[in-house]
Amino acid sequence: MRPRWVSLMGMDDLTGDHLPRPFDNDPAVRAHRAHQGRWRRETLQWPAGPPTDSRARSRYPTLDSCLAEEHEGISAQEEGLNLMSDAAREYARKRLSELKPIGGLAEKDRLWRNLLSSQPLAFSIAGELRAHPSAAAAMFAELTGADVRALGRLDDPSHQLNGIEAEWFPPRDLHTRDRSGFDVAAILELADDSRLLVTVEVKYVDTFSPTKLDPECYAAALSEIGLAPVDAKEIVDQGGSQFLRSVLLTDSVRRTGVRGEGGVDQAMAVVLTRGDDSRAASVVSALHQHAMPTSVALWSHENFFNAASSQPALLEWAARMSDRYLL
């Protein structure tokens, strides 16, 4: 949700500067913006920086929830302060280089400086879990209820899914032919030798995209998941277009694989969000009412970090993630 750009004055404890602050209509956004400002000052001990939204820069030279680009000659991007582990920082830099030639959607300013963006959350998750594949497999087993044996792989020359990836998508012209992709995607090998594709829409304080899906343009994809146009319209009217696109793309990969070479056995499309995100809960519930070959689920940040904390290799990381993202 976009803030209402009304100036409220606050003081940065780190620098003593008086910072104009936006008034967020959503109380959850207000609370998390303040929380991230405290985390920046107290944990990172880094000053506030300019907004990553160009529309806000004329009114706000700095925002409490954005990192300064540099501090005492040190770059926030080079330090990777907005990501939550060394493994995540290393992975993000590698992944950005992979995404550039295929038109990936990672936005550097949001990734490295915006404390309220869901993008650093997604990269922090993917990077850390990739560094601990056995723990990640056990964590996904707990979250999905599936008998997960290990992380798997979908090979492809340019769009491979190697265990877990952030900002993953298959070749767009071979699937739903739009700009849809997944904040996080994982391919899991199950104990019965089948494979489960899990795609995750990661949310923090952001809401679903307001761009509406036209059921007529997606008639074939909707038919594949058994969703009637009237049911799709109802989901669209509830604000669920973005997640519905994600479900359609997930199911397309389930059926055909990355390039039509053969699909996977099962698929699950997930929204990972705050526990108080009623809009996401409503959209997932609406889709859950329909029998579809791709299942849907809602995971809260708290449940996700709790599942991580049950794995010794992820315990400290889960505690840091909880401190930063949970009120």
C-alpha atoms as a PDB file:
ATOM      1  CA  MET A   1       0.000   0.000   0.000  1.00  0.00           C
ATOM      2  CA  ARG A   2       1.352   3.429  -0.936  1.00  0.00           C
ATOM      3  CA  PRO A   3       1.677   5.965   1.866  1.00  0.00           C
ATOM      4  CA  ARG A   4      -0.195   9.232   1.854  1.00  0.00           C
ATOM      5  CA  TRP A   5       2.605  11.748   1.384  1.00  0.00           C
ATOM      6  CA  VAL A   6       1.880  13.960   4.393  1.00  0.00           C
ATOM      7  CA  SER A   7       4.935  15.150   6.295  1.00  0.00           C
ATOM      8  CA  LEU A   8       5.288  14.131   9.919  1.00  0.00           C
ATOM      9  CA  MET A   9       8.456  15.163  11.700  1.00  0.00           C
ATOM     10  CA  GLY A  10      10.589  12.625  13.496  1.00  0.00           C
ATOM     11  CA  MET A  11      14.170  12.526  14.712  1.00  0.00           C
ATOM     12  CA  ASP A  12      16.799  10.042  13.607  1.00  0.00           C
ATOM     13  CA  ASP A  13      18.412   8.743  16.796  1.00  0.00           C
ATOM     14  CA  LEU A  14      21.616   7.981  14.899  1.00  0.00           C
ATOM     15  CA  THR A  15      22.287  11.382  13.374  1.00  0.00           C
ATOM     16  CA  GLY A  16      20.013  13.715  15.322  1.00  0.00           C
ATOM     17  CA  ASP A  17      18.482  14.895  12.041  1.00  0.00           C
ATOM     18  CA  HIS A  18      14.800  15.774  11.878  1.00  0.00           C
ATOM     19  CA  LEU A  19      13.240  13.556   9.195  1.00  0.00           C
ATOM     20  CA  PRO A  20       9.928  14.250   7.475  1.00  0.00           C
ATOM     21  CA  ARG A  21       7.937  11.033   7.486  1.00  0.00           C
ATOM     22  CA  PRO A  22       4.954   9.938   5.409  1.00  0.00           C
ATOM     23  CA  PHE A  23       1.663   9.088   7.021  1.00  0.00           C
ATOM     24  CA  ASP A  24       0.737   5.519   6.065  1.00  0.00           C
ATOM     25  CA  ASN A  25      -2.983   4.885   5.877  1.00  0.00           C
ATOM     26  CA  ASP A  26      -2.529   1.243   6.866  1.00  0.00           C
ATOM     27  CA  PRO A  27      -1.644   0.908  10.578  1.00  0.00           C
ATOM     28  CA  ALA A  28       0.368  -2.246   9.818  1.00  0.00           C
ATOM     29  CA  VAL A  29       2.542  -0.315   7.380  1.00  0.00           C
ATOM     30  CA  ARG A  30       3.013   2.458   9.940  1.00  0.00           C
ATOM     31  CA  ALA A  31       4.069  -0.043  12.584  1.00  0.00           C
ATOM     32  CA  HIS A  32       6.502  -1.883  10.326  1.00  0.00           C
ATOM     33  CA  ARG A  33       8.001   1.332   8.929  1.00  0.00           C
ATOM     34  CA  ALA A  34       8.756   2.450  12.491  1.00  0.00           C
ATOM     35  CA  HIS A  35      10.074  -1.016  13.348  1.00  0.00           C
ATOM     36  CA  GLN A  36      12.448  -1.024  10.376  1.00  0.00           C
ATOM     37  CA  GLY A  37      13.649   2.463  11.295  1.00  0.00           C
ATOM     38  CA  ARG A  38      14.541   1.239  14.777  1.00  0.00           C
ATOM     39  CA  TRP A  39      16.243  -1.834  13.333  1.00  0.00           C
ATOM     40  CA  ARG A  40      18.290   0.387  11.017  1.00  0.00           C
ATOM     41  CA  ARG A  41      19.400   2.667  13.839  1.00  0.00           C
ATOM     42  CA  GLU A  42      19.923   0.140  16.620  1.00  0.00           C
ATOM     43  CA  THR A  43      21.119  -2.969  14.780  1.00  0.00           C
ATOM     44  CA  LEU A  44      22.773  -1.621  11.635  1.00  0.00           C
ATOM     45  CA  GLN A  45      23.701   1.766  13.122  1.00  0.00           C
ATOM     46  CA  TRP A  46      23.318   3.220   9.632  1.00  0.00           C
ATOM     47  CA  PRO A  47      21.732   6.561   8.689  1.00  0.00           C
ATOM     48  CA  ALA A  48      18.529   6.980   6.720  1.00  0.00           C
ATOM     49  CA  GLY A  49      18.720   7.508   2.974  1.00  0.00           C
ATOM     50  CA  PRO A  50      16.642   8.783   0.058  1.00  0.00           C
ATOM     51  CA  PRO A  51      13.448   6.962  -0.957  1.00  0.00           C
ATOM     52  CA  THR A  52      13.736   4.292  -3.620  1.00  0.00           C
ATOM     53  CA  ASP A  53      10.438   5.548  -5.071  1.00  0.00           C
ATOM     54  CA  SER A  54      11.355   8.449  -7.369  1.00  0.00           C
ATOM     55  CA  ARG A  55       7.971  10.113  -6.771  1.00  0.00           C
ATOM     56  CA  ALA A  56       8.770  10.559  -3.085  1.00  0.00           C
ATOM     57  CA  ARG A  57      12.235  12.067  -3.472  1.00  0.00           C
ATOM     58  CA  SER A  58      11.052  15.604  -4.121  1.00  0.00           C
ATOM     59  CA  ARG A  59       9.331  15.662  -0.729  1.00  0.00           C
ATOM     60  CA  TYR A  60      11.543  13.383   1.334  1.00  0.00           C
ATOM     61  CA  PRO A  61      15.330  13.715   1.083  1.00  0.00           C
ATOM     62  CA  THR A  62      15.517  10.739   3.442  1.00  0.00           C
ATOM     63  CA  LEU A  63      13.111   8.115   4.760  1.00  0.00           C
ATOM     64  CA  ASP A  64      13.377   6.266   8.047  1.00  0.00           C
ATOM     65  CA  SER A  65      12.860   2.971   6.219  1.00  0.00           C
ATOM     66  CA  CYS A  66      15.589   3.445   3.586  1.00  0.00           C
ATOM     67  CA  LEU A  67      19.329   3.093   3.961  1.00  0.00           C
ATOM     68  CA  ALA A  68      21.757   5.843   3.054  1.00  0.00           C
ATOM     69  CA  GLU A  69      23.737   4.846  -0.012  1.00  0.00           C
ATOM     70  CA  GLU A  70      27.000   5.445   1.825  1.00  0.00           C
ATOM     71  CA  HIS A  71      28.131   6.047   5.403  1.00  0.00           C
ATOM     72  CA  GLU A  72      31.690   6.928   6.473  1.00  0.00           C
ATOM     73  CA  GLY A  73      32.989   5.935   3.052  1.00  0.00           C
ATOM     74  CA  ILE A  74      31.262   2.542   3.089  1.00  0.00           C
ATOM     75  CA  SER A  75      28.625   1.540   0.517  1.00  0.00           C
ATOM     76  CA  ALA A  76      25.354   0.005   1.716  1.00  0.00           C
ATOM     77  CA  GLN A  77      25.200  -2.063  -1.466  1.00  0.00           C
ATOM     78  CA  GLU A  78      28.753  -3.375  -1.176  1.00  0.00           C
ATOM     79  CA  GLU A  79      28.171  -4.243   2.480  1.00  0.00           C
ATOM     80  CA  GLY A  80      24.850  -5.894   1.612  1.00  0.00           C
ATOM     81  CA  LEU A  81      23.254  -4.513   4.772  1.00  0.00           C
ATOM     82  CA  ASN A  82      19.674  -5.132   3.657  1.00  0.00           C
ATOM     83  CA  LEU A  83      20.249  -8.893   3.337  1.00  0.00           C
ATOM     84  CA  MET A  84      20.363 -11.117   6.358  1.00  0.00           C
ATOM     85  CA  SER A  85      23.409 -13.368   5.937  1.00  0.00           C
ATOM     86  CA  ASP A  86      26.691 -13.685   4.089  1.00  0.00           C
ATOM     87  CA  ALA A  87      25.192 -16.542   2.087  1.00  0.00           C
ATOM     88  CA  ALA A  88      22.285 -14.344   1.000  1.00  0.00           C
ATOM     89  CA  ARG A  89      24.597 -11.501  -0.024  1.00  0.00           C
ATOM     90  CA  GLU A  90      26.806 -13.815  -2.090  1.00  0.00           C
ATOM     91  CA  TYR A  91      23.789 -15.445  -3.709  1.00  0.00           C
ATOM     92  CA  ALA A  92      22.101 -12.120  -4.525  1.00  0.00           C
ATOM     93  CA  ARG A  93      25.132 -10.829  -6.409  1.00  0.00           C
ATOM     94  CA  LYS A  94      25.395 -14.050  -8.396  1.00  0.00           C
ATOM     95  CA  ARG A  95      21.666 -14.158  -9.083  1.00  0.00           C
ATOM     96  CA  LEU A  96      21.561 -10.551 -10.322  1.00  0.00           C
ATOM     97  CA  SER A  97      24.209 -11.386 -12.919  1.00  0.00           C
ATOM     98  CA  GLU A  98      22.130 -14.380 -14.043  1.00  0.00           C
ATOM     99  CA  LEU A  99      18.917 -12.373 -14.283  1.00  0.00           C
ATOM    100  CA  LYS A 100      20.271  -9.491 -16.336  1.00  0.00           C
ATOM    101  CA  PRO A 101      20.573 -11.301 -19.702  1.00  0.00           C
ATOM    102  CA  ILE A 102      17.130 -12.929 -19.397  1.00  0.00           C
ATOM    103  CA  GLY A 103      15.191  -9.825 -18.364  1.00  0.00           C
ATOM    104  CA  GLY A 104      14.776 -10.610 -14.671  1.00  0.00           C
ATOM    105  CA  LEU A 105      12.926  -8.196 -12.418  1.00  0.00           C
ATOM    106  CA  ALA A 106      15.271  -7.671  -9.462  1.00  0.00           C
ATOM    107  CA  GLU A 107      15.537  -3.940  -8.692  1.00  0.00           C
ATOM    108  CA  LYS A 108      18.901  -3.075  -7.177  1.00  0.00           C
ATOM    109  CA  ASP A 109      17.776   0.006  -5.253  1.00  0.00           C
ATOM    110  CA  ARG A 110      14.910  -1.883  -3.596  1.00  0.00           C
ATOM    111  CA  LEU A 111      17.114  -4.875  -2.913  1.00  0.00           C
ATOM    112  CA  TRP A 112      20.017  -3.072  -1.279  1.00  0.00           C
ATOM    113  CA  ARG A 113      18.388  -0.027   0.401  1.00  0.00           C
ATOM    114  CA  ASN A 114      14.611  -0.342   0.915  1.00  0.00           C
ATOM    115  CA  LEU A 115      13.964  -1.879   4.330  1.00  0.00           C
ATOM    116  CA  LEU A 116      10.226  -2.312   3.635  1.00  0.00           C
ATOM    117  CA  SER A 117      10.663  -4.101   0.315  1.00  0.00           C
ATOM    118  CA  SER A 118       9.766  -7.776   0.046  1.00  0.00           C
ATOM    119  CA  GLN A 119      12.684  -8.299  -2.343  1.00  0.00           C
ATOM    120  CA  PRO A 120      15.464  -8.432   0.289  1.00  0.00           C
ATOM    121  CA  LEU A 121      13.229 -10.739   2.317  1.00  0.00           C
ATOM    122  CA  ALA A 122      12.953 -13.109  -0.659  1.00  0.00           C
ATOM    123  CA  PHE A 123      16.685 -13.035  -1.409  1.00  0.00           C
ATOM    124  CA  SER A 124      17.556 -13.501   2.266  1.00  0.00           C
ATOM    125  CA  ILE A 125      15.365 -16.608   2.332  1.00  0.00           C
ATOM    126  CA  ALA A 126      16.591 -18.120  -0.930  1.00  0.00           C
ATOM    127  CA  GLY A 127      20.267 -17.402  -0.276  1.00  0.00           C
ATOM    128  CA  GLU A 128      20.338 -18.823   3.244  1.00  0.00           C
ATOM    129  CA  LEU A 129      18.279 -21.929   2.454  1.00  0.00           C
ATOM    130  CA  ARG A 130      20.476 -22.736  -0.550  1.00  0.00           C
ATOM    131  CA  ALA A 131      23.472 -22.729   1.801  1.00  0.00           C
ATOM    132  CA  HIS A 132      21.818 -25.405   3.988  1.00  0.00           C
ATOM    133  CA  PRO A 133      20.070 -27.804   1.578  1.00  0.00           C
ATOM    134  CA  SER A 134      19.358 -30.571   4.075  1.00  0.00           C
ATOM    135  CA  ALA A 135      17.871 -28.167   6.599  1.00  0.00           C
ATOM    136  CA  ALA A 136      15.895 -26.484   3.814  1.00  0.00           C
ATOM    137  CA  ALA A 137      14.448 -29.823   2.705  1.00  0.00           C
ATOM    138  CA  ALA A 138      13.369 -30.625   6.270  1.00  0.00           C
ATOM    139  CA  MET A 139      11.889 -27.157   6.639  1.00  0.00           C
ATOM    140  CA  PHE A 140       9.859 -27.522   3.436  1.00  0.00           C
ATOM    141  CA  ALA A 141       8.653 -30.911   4.650  1.00  0.00           C
ATOM    142  CA  GLU A 142       7.253 -29.240   7.762  1.00  0.00           C
ATOM    143  CA  LEU A 143       5.655 -26.386   5.851  1.00  0.00           C
ATOM    144  CA  THR A 144       4.146 -28.397   2.976  1.00  0.00           C
ATOM    145  CA  GLY A 145       3.291 -31.615   4.799  1.00  0.00           C
ATOM    146  CA  ALA A 146       5.043 -33.568   2.028  1.00  0.00           C
ATOM    147  CA  ASP A 147       7.648 -36.288   2.601  1.00  0.00           C
ATOM    148  CA  VAL A 148      10.548 -34.246   1.233  1.00  0.00           C
ATOM    149  CA  ARG A 149      13.793 -36.138   0.723  1.00  0.00           C
ATOM    150  CA  ALA A 150      16.009 -33.437  -0.783  1.00  0.00           C
ATOM    151  CA  LEU A 151      16.145 -30.352  -2.938  1.00  0.00           C
ATOM    152  CA  GLY A 152      15.931 -31.148  -6.633  1.00  0.00           C
ATOM    153  CA  ARG A 153      16.713 -29.455  -9.918  1.00  0.00           C
ATOM    154  CA  LEU A 154      15.016 -28.409 -13.143  1.00  0.00           C
ATOM    155  CA  ASP A 155      17.747 -28.077 -15.752  1.00  0.00           C
ATOM    156  CA  ASP A 156      17.642 -25.422 -18.430  1.00  0.00           C
ATOM    157  CA  PRO A 157      20.307 -23.451 -20.350  1.00  0.00           C
ATOM    158  CA  SER A 158      19.078 -20.060 -19.112  1.00  0.00           C
ATOM    159  CA  HIS A 159      16.181 -20.591 -16.673  1.00  0.00           C
ATOM    160  CA  GLN A 160      17.316 -23.465 -14.483  1.00  0.00           C
ATOM    161  CA  LEU A 161      15.776 -24.014 -11.077  1.00  0.00           C
ATOM    162  CA  ASN A 162      18.614 -25.278  -8.914  1.00  0.00           C
ATOM    163  CA  GLY A 163      16.975 -26.294  -5.643  1.00  0.00           C
ATOM    164  CA  ILE A 164      15.772 -22.854  -4.535  1.00  0.00           C
ATOM    165  CA  GLU A 165      15.943 -19.619  -6.520  1.00  0.00           C
ATOM    166  CA  ALA A 166      14.818 -16.033  -5.976  1.00  0.00           C
ATOM    167  CA  GLU A 167      13.139 -14.187  -8.862  1.00  0.00           C
ATOM    168  CA  TRP A 168      12.674 -17.371 -10.882  1.00  0.00           C
ATOM    169  CA  PHE A 169      10.516 -17.697 -13.964  1.00  0.00           C
ATOM    170  CA  PRO A 170      10.422 -20.005 -17.004  1.00  0.00           C
ATOM    171  CA  PRO A 171      10.704 -18.657 -20.578  1.00  0.00           C
ATOM    172  CA  ARG A 172       7.650 -16.428 -20.738  1.00  0.00           C
ATOM    173  CA  ASP A 173       6.699 -17.106 -24.343  1.00  0.00           C
ATOM    174  CA  LEU A 174       6.282 -20.804 -23.538  1.00  0.00           C
ATOM    175  CA  HIS A 175       3.837 -20.336 -20.664  1.00  0.00           C
ATOM    176  CA  THR A 176       1.353 -17.590 -19.740  1.00  0.00           C
ATOM    177  CA  ARG A 177       3.006 -14.980 -22.001  1.00  0.00           C
ATOM    178  CA  ASP A 178       2.975 -12.224 -19.397  1.00  0.00           C
ATOM    179  CA  ARG A 179       5.545 -10.807 -16.993  1.00  0.00           C
ATOM    180  CA  SER A 180       4.658 -13.165 -14.156  1.00  0.00           C
ATOM    181  CA  GLY A 181       7.385 -14.801 -12.129  1.00  0.00           C
ATOM    182  CA  PHE A 182       8.035 -16.080  -8.623  1.00  0.00           C
ATOM    183  CA  ASP A 183       9.709 -14.262  -5.752  1.00  0.00           C
ATOM    184  CA  VAL A 184      11.007 -17.656  -4.611  1.00  0.00           C
ATOM    185  CA  ALA A 185      10.676 -21.076  -6.239  1.00  0.00           C
ATOM    186  CA  ALA A 186      11.841 -24.488  -5.049  1.00  0.00           C
ATOM    187  CA  ILE A 187      11.860 -27.946  -6.604  1.00  0.00           C
ATOM    188  CA  LEU A 188      11.671 -30.758  -4.061  1.00  0.00           C
ATOM    189  CA  GLU A 189      12.366 -34.479  -4.403  1.00  0.00           C
ATOM    190  CA  LEU A 190       9.940 -36.593  -2.404  1.00  0.00           C
ATOM    191  CA  ALA A 191      10.482 -39.979  -0.766  1.00  0.00           C
ATOM    192  CA  ASP A 192       8.389 -41.750  -3.438  1.00  0.00           C
ATOM    193  CA  ASP A 193      10.683 -40.359  -6.201  1.00  0.00           C
ATOM    194  CA  SER A 194       8.092 -37.797  -7.331  1.00  0.00           C
ATOM    195  CA  ARG A 195       8.815 -34.092  -7.489  1.00  0.00           C
ATOM    196  CA  LEU A 196       6.998 -31.125  -5.947  1.00  0.00           C
ATOM    197  CA  LEU A 197       7.288 -27.591  -7.298  1.00  0.00           C
ATOM    198  CA  VAL A 198       6.687 -24.880  -4.682  1.00  0.00           C
ATOM    199  CA  THR A 199       6.350 -21.265  -5.809  1.00  0.00           C
ATOM    200  CA  VAL A 200       6.180 -18.446  -3.287  1.00  0.00           C
ATOM    201  CA  GLU A 201       4.753 -14.945  -3.569  1.00  0.00           C
ATOM    202  CA  VAL A 202       6.640 -13.064  -0.832  1.00  0.00           C
ATOM    203  CA  LYS A 203       4.884 -10.110   0.782  1.00  0.00           C
ATOM    204  CA  TYR A 204       5.916  -7.764   3.574  1.00  0.00           C
ATOM    205  CA  VAL A 205       3.915  -4.535   3.707  1.00  0.00           C
ATOM    206  CA  ASP A 206       3.216  -4.498  -0.031  1.00  0.00           C
ATOM    207  CA  THR A 207      -0.134  -5.589  -1.434  1.00  0.00           C
ATOM    208  CA  PHE A 208      -1.031  -7.537  -4.546  1.00  0.00           C
ATOM    209  CA  SER A 209      -0.671  -5.725  -7.851  1.00  0.00           C
ATOM    210  CA  PRO A 210      -3.910  -3.911  -8.785  1.00  0.00           C
ATOM    211  CA  THR A 211      -3.534  -4.833 -12.475  1.00  0.00           C
ATOM    212  CA  LYS A 212      -6.574  -6.953 -13.230  1.00  0.00           C
ATOM    213  CA  LEU A 213      -6.378 -10.283 -15.009  1.00  0.00           C
ATOM    214  CA  ASP A 214      -8.751 -10.549 -17.984  1.00  0.00           C
ATOM    215  CA  PRO A 215     -10.291 -14.066 -17.800  1.00  0.00           C
ATOM    216  CA  GLU A 216     -10.845 -14.102 -21.562  1.00  0.00           C
ATOM    217  CA  CYS A 217      -7.121 -13.653 -22.231  1.00  0.00           C
ATOM    218  CA  TYR A 218      -6.306 -16.561 -19.902  1.00  0.00           C
ATOM    219  CA  ALA A 219      -9.181 -18.830 -20.911  1.00  0.00           C
ATOM    220  CA  ALA A 220      -6.978 -21.797 -21.873  1.00  0.00           C
ATOM    221  CA  ALA A 221      -4.834 -21.564 -18.710  1.00  0.00           C
ATOM    222  CA  LEU A 222      -7.937 -21.210 -16.519  1.00  0.00           C
ATOM    223  CA  SER A 223      -9.472 -24.260 -18.191  1.00  0.00           C
ATOM    224  CA  GLU A 224      -6.323 -26.267 -17.375  1.00  0.00           C
ATOM    225  CA  ILE A 225      -6.800 -25.660 -13.651  1.00  0.00           C
ATOM    226  CA  GLY A 226     -10.567 -26.194 -13.851  1.00  0.00           C
ATOM    227  CA  LEU A 227     -11.501 -22.629 -12.954  1.00  0.00           C
ATOM    228  CA  ALA A 228     -14.594 -21.259 -14.692  1.00  0.00           C
ATOM    229  CA  PRO A 229     -14.459 -17.672 -16.013  1.00  0.00           C
ATOM    230  CA  VAL A 230     -17.149 -16.584 -13.540  1.00  0.00           C
ATOM    231  CA  ASP A 231     -15.059 -17.945 -10.646  1.00  0.00           C
ATOM    232  CA  ALA A 232     -11.928 -16.275 -12.002  1.00  0.00           C
ATOM    233  CA  LYS A 233     -13.777 -12.963 -12.218  1.00  0.00           C
ATOM    234  CA  GLU A 234     -14.833 -13.276  -8.591  1.00  0.00           C
ATOM    235  CA  ILE A 235     -11.202 -13.803  -7.547  1.00  0.00           C
ATOM    236  CA  VAL A 236     -10.120 -10.852  -9.694  1.00  0.00           C
ATOM    237  CA  ASP A 237     -12.786  -8.665  -8.079  1.00  0.00           C
ATOM    238  CA  GLN A 238     -11.402  -9.621  -4.650  1.00  0.00           C
ATOM    239  CA  GLY A 239      -7.999  -8.265  -5.662  1.00  0.00           C
ATOM    240  CA  GLY A 240      -6.465 -11.660  -6.381  1.00  0.00           C
ATOM    241  CA  SER A 241      -5.256 -11.123  -9.962  1.00  0.00           C
ATOM    242  CA  GLN A 242      -1.553 -11.241  -9.114  1.00  0.00           C
ATOM    243  CA  PHE A 243      -1.745 -14.473  -7.153  1.00  0.00           C
ATOM    244  CA  LEU A 244      -4.070 -16.020  -9.737  1.00  0.00           C
ATOM    245  CA  ARG A 245      -1.434 -15.332 -12.394  1.00  0.00           C
ATOM    246  CA  SER A 246       1.103 -17.010 -10.139  1.00  0.00           C
ATOM    247  CA  VAL A 247      -1.124 -20.070  -9.779  1.00  0.00           C
ATOM    248  CA  LEU A 248      -1.617 -20.268 -13.559  1.00  0.00           C
ATOM    249  CA  LEU A 249       2.123 -20.031 -14.190  1.00  0.00           C
ATOM    250  CA  THR A 250       2.889 -22.586 -11.482  1.00  0.00           C
ATOM    251  CA  ASP A 251       0.443 -25.032 -13.016  1.00  0.00           C
ATOM    252  CA  SER A 252       1.876 -24.452 -16.479  1.00  0.00           C
ATOM    253  CA  VAL A 253       5.322 -25.483 -15.216  1.00  0.00           C
ATOM    254  CA  ARG A 254       3.724 -28.444 -13.427  1.00  0.00           C
ATOM    255  CA  ARG A 255       2.214 -29.653 -16.696  1.00  0.00           C
ATOM    256  CA  THR A 256       5.040 -28.964 -19.120  1.00  0.00           C
ATOM    257  CA  GLY A 257       8.256 -28.284 -17.229  1.00  0.00           C
ATOM    258  CA  VAL A 258      10.512 -25.365 -18.094  1.00  0.00           C
ATOM    259  CA  ARG A 259      10.372 -25.765 -21.895  1.00  0.00           C
ATOM    260  CA  GLY A 260       7.776 -28.437 -22.540  1.00  0.00           C
ATOM    261  CA  GLU A 261      10.180 -31.321 -21.948  1.00  0.00           C
ATOM    262  CA  GLY A 262       7.963 -32.829 -19.262  1.00  0.00           C
ATOM    263  CA  GLY A 263       6.362 -31.536 -16.117  1.00  0.00           C
ATOM    264  CA  VAL A 264       6.591 -32.290 -12.432  1.00  0.00           C
ATOM    265  CA  ASP A 265       4.300 -34.485 -10.397  1.00  0.00           C
ATOM    266  CA  GLN A 266       2.853 -31.955  -7.962  1.00  0.00           C
ATOM    267  CA  ALA A 267       2.792 -28.205  -7.479  1.00  0.00           C
ATOM    268  CA  MET A 268       1.905 -25.762  -4.737  1.00  0.00           C
ATOM    269  CA  ALA A 269       1.543 -21.964  -4.991  1.00  0.00           C
ATOM    270  CA  VAL A 270       2.090 -20.117  -1.709  1.00  0.00           C
ATOM    271  CA  VAL A 271       1.705 -16.589  -0.366  1.00  0.00           C
ATOM    272  CA  LEU A 272       4.240 -15.885   2.396  1.00  0.00           C
ATOM    273  CA  THR A 273       3.103 -12.807   4.295  1.00  0.00           C
ATOM    274  CA  ARG A 274       2.383 -11.198   7.652  1.00  0.00           C
ATOM    275  CA  GLY A 275      -0.009 -13.035   9.933  1.00  0.00           C
ATOM    276  CA  ASP A 276      -2.366 -10.038   9.886  1.00  0.00           C
ATOM    277  CA  ASP A 277      -2.539  -9.742   6.073  1.00  0.00           C
ATOM    278  CA  SER A 278      -6.291 -10.161   5.665  1.00  0.00           C
ATOM    279  CA  ARG A 279      -6.282  -9.429   1.927  1.00  0.00           C
ATOM    280  CA  ALA A 280      -3.845 -12.242   1.191  1.00  0.00           C
ATOM    281  CA  ALA A 281      -5.784 -14.604   3.473  1.00  0.00           C
ATOM    282  CA  SER A 282      -9.016 -13.767   1.654  1.00  0.00           C
ATOM    283  CA  VAL A 283      -7.506 -14.346  -1.800  1.00  0.00           C
ATOM    284  CA  VAL A 284      -5.910 -17.666  -0.857  1.00  0.00           C
ATOM    285  CA  SER A 285      -9.135 -18.793   0.816  1.00  0.00           C
ATOM    286  CA  ALA A 286     -11.124 -17.942  -2.324  1.00  0.00           C
ATOM    287  CA  LEU A 287      -8.807 -20.027  -4.492  1.00  0.00           C
ATOM    288  CA  HIS A 288      -8.768 -22.821  -1.932  1.00  0.00           C
ATOM    289  CA  GLN A 289     -12.499 -23.304  -2.457  1.00  0.00           C
ATOM    290  CA  HIS A 290     -11.819 -24.753  -5.920  1.00  0.00           C
ATOM    291  CA  ALA A 291     -10.406 -28.194  -6.679  1.00  0.00           C
ATOM    292  CA  MET A 292      -7.293 -27.419  -8.726  1.00  0.00           C
ATOM    293  CA  PRO A 293      -4.324 -29.575  -9.769  1.00  0.00           C
ATOM    294  CA  THR A 294      -2.010 -26.978  -8.198  1.00  0.00           C
ATOM    295  CA  SER A 295      -2.732 -26.492  -4.508  1.00  0.00           C
ATOM    296  CA  VAL A 296      -2.546 -23.132  -2.745  1.00  0.00           C
ATOM    297  CA  ALA A 297      -1.413 -22.191   0.753  1.00  0.00           C
ATOM    298  CA  LEU A 298      -0.847 -19.204   3.019  1.00  0.00           C
ATOM    299  CA  TRP A 299       2.265 -19.186   5.202  1.00  0.00           C
ATOM    300  CA  SER A 300       2.856 -16.480   7.794  1.00  0.00           C
ATOM    301  CA  HIS A 301       6.313 -15.039   8.393  1.00  0.00           C
ATOM    302  CA  GLU A 302       6.111 -16.263  11.974  1.00  0.00           C
ATOM    303  CA  ASN A 303       5.331 -19.852  10.978  1.00  0.00           C
ATOM    304  CA  PHE A 304       8.061 -19.762   8.353  1.00  0.00           C
ATOM    305  CA  PHE A 305      10.713 -18.563  10.804  1.00  0.00           C
ATOM    306  CA  ASN A 306       9.501 -21.063  13.403  1.00  0.00           C
ATOM    307  CA  ALA A 307       9.974 -23.870  10.864  1.00  0.00           C
ATOM    308  CA  ALA A 308      13.480 -22.563  10.175  1.00  0.00           C
ATOM    309  CA  SER A 309      14.298 -22.390  13.883  1.00  0.00           C
ATOM    310  CA  SER A 310      13.520 -26.103  14.248  1.00  0.00           C
ATOM    311  CA  GLN A 311      16.626 -26.773  12.127  1.00  0.00           C
ATOM    312  CA  PRO A 312      19.892 -26.266  14.037  1.00  0.00           C
ATOM    313  CA  ALA A 313      21.689 -24.978  10.944  1.00  0.00           C
ATOM    314  CA  LEU A 314      19.076 -22.233  10.529  1.00  0.00           C
ATOM    315  CA  LEU A 315      18.401 -21.389  14.185  1.00  0.00           C
ATOM    316  CA  GLU A 316      20.501 -18.217  14.459  1.00  0.00           C
ATOM    317  CA  TRP A 317      19.354 -16.960  11.057  1.00  0.00           C
ATOM    318  CA  ALA A 318      15.713 -17.534  12.017  1.00  0.00           C
ATOM    319  CA  ALA A 319      16.211 -15.530  15.206  1.00  0.00           C
ATOM    320  CA  ARG A 320      17.680 -12.596  13.252  1.00  0.00           C
ATOM    321  CA  MET A 321      14.865 -12.760  10.712  1.00  0.00           C
ATOM    322  CA  SER A 322      12.273 -12.777  13.506  1.00  0.00           C
ATOM    323  CA  ASP A 323      13.904  -9.788  15.196  1.00  0.00           C
ATOM    324  CA  ARG A 324      13.819  -7.825  11.986  1.00  0.00           C
ATOM    325  CA  TYR A 325      10.469  -8.783  10.448  1.00  0.00           C
ATOM    326  CA  LEU A 326       8.146  -9.628  13.343  1.00  0.00           C
ATOM    327  CA  LEU A 327       6.701  -6.942  15.601  1.00  0.00           C
END
